[in-house]
Every structure is written in structure tokens, then in C-alpha cells.
Protein backbone atom coordinates (compact mmCIF):
# COMPACT_ATOMS: atom_id res chain seq x y z
CA MET A 1 82.16 110.54 115.75
CA THR A 2 84.01 109.89 119.01
CA ASN A 3 80.75 109.64 120.96
CA GLU A 4 79.40 107.15 118.40
CA LEU A 5 82.52 105.00 118.76
CA ASN A 6 82.26 105.10 122.55
CA ASN A 7 78.63 103.99 122.36
CA ILE A 8 79.40 101.14 119.94
CA VAL A 9 82.25 99.79 122.09
CA ASN A 10 80.50 100.23 125.44
CA GLU A 11 77.15 98.81 124.33
CA VAL A 12 78.57 95.34 123.64
CA GLY A 13 81.42 95.51 126.15
CA ILE A 14 84.40 95.30 123.81
CA ILE A 15 87.57 94.98 125.92
CA ASP A 16 90.30 95.10 123.32
CA GLU A 17 93.52 96.99 124.03
CA PRO A 18 94.20 98.48 120.55
CA ILE A 19 90.59 99.67 120.19
CA ASN A 20 90.35 100.98 123.74
CA ASP A 21 93.73 102.70 123.27
CA VAL A 22 92.57 104.62 120.22
CA LEU A 23 89.37 105.63 122.02
CA LEU A 24 91.33 106.84 125.03
CA HIS A 25 93.42 109.04 122.74
CA LEU A 26 90.29 110.47 121.07
CA ASN A 27 88.53 111.07 124.39
CA ASN A 28 91.50 113.03 125.73
CA ILE A 29 91.69 115.42 122.78
CA GLN A 30 90.44 118.92 123.55
CA PRO A 31 89.54 120.71 120.30
CA MET A 32 91.61 123.85 119.67
CA SER A 33 93.63 123.42 122.86
CA LYS A 34 96.95 123.46 121.00
CA ALA A 35 96.01 126.62 119.10
CA GLU A 36 94.86 128.32 122.31
CA THR A 37 98.03 127.33 124.18
CA PHE A 38 100.15 128.55 121.27
CA THR A 39 98.44 131.95 121.22
CA GLN A 40 98.75 132.35 124.99
CA THR A 41 102.44 131.35 124.99
CA VAL A 42 103.32 133.81 122.21
CA LYS A 43 101.38 136.55 124.02
CA GLU A 44 103.18 135.97 127.32
CA ARG A 45 106.62 135.74 125.71
CA ALA A 46 105.95 138.84 123.61
CA GLU A 47 104.90 140.83 126.70
CA ALA A 48 108.02 139.77 128.59
CA PHE A 49 110.19 140.64 125.58
CA LYS A 50 108.63 144.10 125.25
CA ASN A 51 108.97 144.82 128.94
CA GLU A 52 112.65 143.89 128.85
CA TYR A 53 113.66 145.70 125.66
CA LYS A 54 111.10 148.47 125.01
CA ASP A 55 113.46 151.17 126.28
CA THR A 56 116.50 150.00 124.29
CA TYR A 57 115.11 148.49 121.04
CA THR A 58 113.60 150.38 118.12
CA PRO A 59 110.00 149.54 117.15
CA GLN A 60 111.32 147.59 114.18
CA ALA A 61 113.73 145.60 116.37
CA LEU A 62 110.90 144.82 118.80
CA LYS A 63 108.76 143.66 115.92
CA GLU A 64 111.52 141.40 114.59
CA GLY A 65 112.10 139.96 118.04
CA ILE A 66 108.41 139.15 118.47
CA GLN A 67 108.32 137.66 114.97
CA ALA A 68 111.19 135.36 115.97
CA ILE A 69 109.27 134.33 119.10
CA TYR A 70 106.17 133.65 117.00
CA ASP A 71 108.10 131.58 114.44
CA GLU A 72 109.82 129.57 117.18
CA GLU A 73 106.57 128.74 118.99
CA LYS A 74 104.81 127.94 115.72
CA ALA A 75 107.54 125.48 114.76
CA LYS A 76 107.20 123.84 118.19
CA VAL A 77 103.45 123.45 118.04
CA GLU A 78 103.51 122.18 114.44
CA GLN A 79 106.08 119.56 115.43
CA SER A 80 103.91 118.59 118.40
CA ILE A 81 100.85 118.26 116.16
CA GLN A 82 102.74 116.12 113.65
CA SER A 83 104.23 113.87 116.32
CA GLU A 84 100.96 113.32 118.20
CA ASN A 85 99.00 112.77 115.01
CA GLU A 86 101.50 110.17 113.79
CA SER A 87 101.15 108.41 117.14
CA PHE A 88 97.36 108.44 116.84
CA GLN A 89 97.35 107.23 113.23
CA ALA A 90 99.53 104.26 114.22
CA LYS A 91 97.02 103.44 116.96
CA ARG A 92 94.12 103.85 114.53
CA ILE A 93 95.65 101.43 111.99
CA LYS A 94 96.39 98.92 114.75
CA ALA A 95 92.78 99.14 116.01
CA ILE A 96 91.39 98.57 112.49
CA GLU A 97 93.63 95.53 112.03
CA ARG A 98 92.54 94.16 115.41
CA ALA A 99 88.84 94.57 114.59
CA LYS A 100 89.35 92.86 111.22
CA GLN A 101 91.14 89.97 112.95
CA GLN A 102 88.22 89.54 115.35
CA ILE A 103 85.74 89.45 112.46
CA ALA A 104 87.88 87.03 110.45
CA HIS A 105 88.16 84.75 113.47
CA SER A 106 84.39 84.63 113.88
CA ASP A 107 84.00 83.94 110.13
CA ASP A 108 86.13 80.77 110.11
CA LEU A 109 84.05 78.04 108.45
CA ASP A 110 84.48 74.40 107.50
CA SER A 111 83.97 73.23 103.90
CA SER A 112 80.50 71.83 104.62
CA GLU A 113 79.24 75.18 105.95
CA ILE A 114 80.75 77.02 103.01
CA SER A 115 78.99 74.67 100.55
CA LYS A 116 75.63 75.26 102.27
CA ARG A 117 76.06 79.02 102.14
CA VAL A 118 77.05 78.99 98.48
CA TYR A 119 74.04 76.83 97.58
CA HIS A 120 71.52 79.00 99.45
CA THR A 121 73.03 82.22 98.10
CA GLN A 122 72.99 81.05 94.48
CA THR A 123 69.39 79.85 94.84
CA LEU A 124 68.24 83.14 96.35
CA GLN A 125 70.07 85.24 93.77
CA SER A 126 68.50 83.26 90.96
CA ASP A 127 65.02 83.83 92.43
CA LEU A 128 65.71 87.48 93.17
CA SER A 129 66.93 88.20 89.66
CA LEU A 130 63.55 87.11 88.30
CA GLU A 131 61.51 88.93 90.96
CA LEU A 132 63.41 92.18 90.62
CA MET A 133 63.25 92.06 86.84
CA ASN A 134 59.51 92.75 87.11
CA ALA A 135 59.78 95.30 89.92
CA ASP A 136 59.45 98.73 88.31
CA THR A 137 58.61 100.92 91.30
CA GLY A 138 60.15 101.73 94.64
CA SER A 139 57.19 100.21 96.46
CA SER A 140 57.48 96.89 94.61
CA ILE A 141 61.23 96.69 95.33
CA SER A 142 60.58 97.58 98.97
CA ALA A 143 57.94 94.86 99.23
CA ILE A 144 60.33 92.21 97.93
CA LEU A 145 63.03 93.33 100.36
CA SER A 146 60.58 93.26 103.27
CA GLU A 147 59.43 89.76 102.32
CA LYS A 148 63.02 88.47 102.17
CA MET A 149 63.86 90.12 105.50
CA GLU A 150 60.90 88.40 107.11
CA LEU A 151 62.13 85.01 105.87
CA ALA A 152 65.67 85.83 106.97
CA SER A 153 64.49 86.63 110.49
CA ARG A 154 63.33 83.00 110.87
CA ASP A 155 66.23 81.23 109.13
CA LYS A 156 69.90 82.09 109.62
CA MET A 157 70.95 80.47 106.33
CA LYS A 158 68.45 82.65 104.48
CA ALA A 159 69.79 85.68 106.33
CA ILE A 160 73.32 84.81 105.18
CA ALA A 161 72.13 84.37 101.59
CA LEU A 162 70.23 87.66 101.66
CA LEU A 163 73.23 89.57 103.05
CA SER A 164 75.30 88.30 100.11
CA SER A 165 72.55 89.31 97.67
CA LEU A 166 71.81 92.89 98.70
CA HIS A 167 73.83 94.20 95.76
CA LEU A 168 70.98 93.03 93.48
CA PHE A 169 68.64 95.45 95.28
CA ALA A 170 71.25 98.23 95.13
CA ASN A 171 71.60 97.79 91.36
CA LYS A 172 67.83 97.96 90.90
CA ILE A 173 67.47 100.99 93.18
CA ASP A 174 70.00 102.94 91.10
CA GLY A 175 67.45 103.27 88.32
CA LEU A 176 64.79 104.97 90.47
CA HIS A 177 63.98 108.64 90.91
CA ASP A 178 65.99 110.57 93.53
CA GLN A 179 63.38 110.54 96.31
CA GLU A 180 62.60 106.82 95.99
CA ARG A 181 66.28 105.99 95.63
CA ALA A 182 67.24 107.89 98.79
CA TYR A 183 64.53 106.20 100.84
CA LEU A 184 65.36 102.69 99.64
CA LEU A 185 69.13 103.13 100.05
CA THR A 186 68.51 104.10 103.66
CA LYS A 187 66.25 101.07 104.13
CA LEU A 188 68.85 98.84 102.49
CA LYS A 189 71.56 100.10 104.84
CA MET A 190 69.33 99.46 107.88
CA ASN A 191 68.49 95.97 106.65
CA LYS A 192 72.18 95.22 106.07
CA ASP A 193 72.99 96.20 109.65
CA GLU A 194 70.09 94.08 110.90
CA LEU A 195 71.25 91.06 108.90
CA ASN A 196 74.77 91.37 110.27
CA LYS A 197 73.35 91.29 113.80
CA MET A 198 71.15 88.29 113.00
CA ILE A 199 74.08 86.33 111.57
CA TYR A 200 77.02 87.35 113.67
CA GLY A 201 75.61 88.88 116.83
CA ASN A 202 76.08 92.33 118.30
CA LYS A 203 79.81 92.09 118.97
CA HIS A 204 80.64 91.17 115.37
CA GLU A 205 78.52 94.08 114.15
CA ALA A 206 80.23 96.39 116.64
CA TYR A 207 83.66 95.46 115.28
CA ARG A 208 82.41 96.12 111.76
CA GLN A 209 81.17 99.56 112.77
CA VAL A 210 84.45 100.32 114.53
CA ILE A 211 86.28 99.60 111.26
CA GLU A 212 83.85 101.76 109.31
CA HIS A 213 84.24 104.74 111.67
CA LEU A 214 88.02 104.52 111.96
CA GLU A 215 88.55 104.15 108.20
CA LYS A 216 86.53 107.32 107.58
CA MET A 217 88.45 109.29 110.19
CA ASP A 218 90.53 112.29 109.13
CA THR A 219 94.20 111.54 108.56
CA ASN A 220 95.00 114.50 110.83
CA ILE A 221 92.84 114.76 113.94
CA TYR A 222 94.44 118.10 114.82
CA THR A 223 93.35 119.83 111.60
CA ALA A 224 91.29 122.46 113.46
CA ASP A 225 94.31 123.46 115.56
CA LYS A 226 96.56 123.66 112.52
CA LEU A 227 94.08 125.73 110.52
CA SER A 228 93.57 128.14 113.41
CA ILE A 229 97.31 128.68 113.84
CA ASN A 230 97.89 129.26 110.11
CA MET A 231 94.92 131.63 109.81
CA ASN A 232 96.27 133.93 112.54
CA SER A 233 99.74 134.64 111.23
CA ASN A 234 99.61 138.43 111.77
CA ILE A 235 101.82 139.34 114.73
CA GLU A 236 100.48 142.90 115.00
CA ARG A 237 98.23 141.83 117.88
CA TYR A 238 101.30 140.98 119.97
CA LEU A 239 103.04 144.37 119.48
């Protein structure tokens, strides 16, 4: 996902501090590095502890001492994971808000433009409702969508109206068999992306994709580290 975000931002040249900040954080993360550092630190401290006390402590006392070292280092790394993840999540939320602000700014319209869009959208949806009513197969639905996309490619107002009407195709597609439905949903998604680019340009679409990627992101980007640490709780390997 990080590579996809990098490509989206770099392709259109987004220079936006909150978004670049969250990408910098993601690019600097090394998967499992915290778990590996934790294991190595416990190993080194356990070896030093054994070397210092092996001649004076009983095996049980050595084990308890190493358990204390393990617990101490685990608490440290878990606190580090929590702190860094909270920092990242704050950056992620800020980047999403920034991208939404940029989209909202580009969407500012006067009342005349809004009236035109409403008129064209209502007209298209009325026509589409009739056309789709008689479309009983995936190929017939696909043909209607292709025809409307062709018209949209030559007229921005028609592109805007079609983007606002894609839910009519989605509702119709829901009633198809699995294979046809999967194909047409993919086509619909591609057409939606294409319409966004036609209407708003590449940068607007890039901001939209940034929002989509960041909203889907895990609420803890250090999950792999945390799982690895919790799965290796047996201290026998350090004795």
C-alpha cells in the first residue's frame, strides 16, 4: 500500500506537508525491526546477566532474573509501539483532512453551475432508468455504460451527470450472476476513476485515492511487530 501511495503522490506532484509527512513516516518503517531489536536486546542482557551471576545464583533465580529482563524490555517496546503508532495515526488523520479540504476547494461552485449540474443529472437519470429497465443481461448493461462513457468523454457536463448516476448501474448489476457481476463491478470502478479524471483532473483524483488508501489503513501499523513479540513469550531460549 505504501508503494501505491508513493506512486499516486509522485505521479501528479503533490507537495502537501501533511500528506508528505505521513508518507515519510510510512517509508521509514522497517517491518519487524522492533521485534528483532527486542529479541536481540533481551538476548544480550540475558547473556550478561548469566555471565555475572551463574556462579552465585540457582537455576531458578537465574530464570527469574531473565524473566524480569524480558518483562522489562517487553514493556518498553510495547510503549514505544503505542507511542509511535499514536503519532502516526494523528498524522494519518491530518493527511486525510488535508486531502478532503483540497477536494472541497476544487468543488466550490456558484449557483448557476449547480443548477446546470442538477438539470443534466436528473435528465440522465430519467433516461437511464428507462434504458436499464429493459437491460436483462450483463452485455446489455455493459453496452449502455460504454455508450454513456463515450458521450461523457466529449462533454464534461455529461461526465458530471454520469458520475452522479453510476449507482443506477450498481443497483442493476446486483441482480446478475456472480461472474457477470464481478466483471461489471470492476468495469464500473474503472469508469468511475476515469470520470473523476475527466471532471476534476489528475490531482483531484490523486487526492481522492490518497483518502481511500489512508482510510483503509490499519489502525496499528506496527501490528506485525506486536504479534511477533507476543507469539514468542517463552524465555527458555534465553536460558
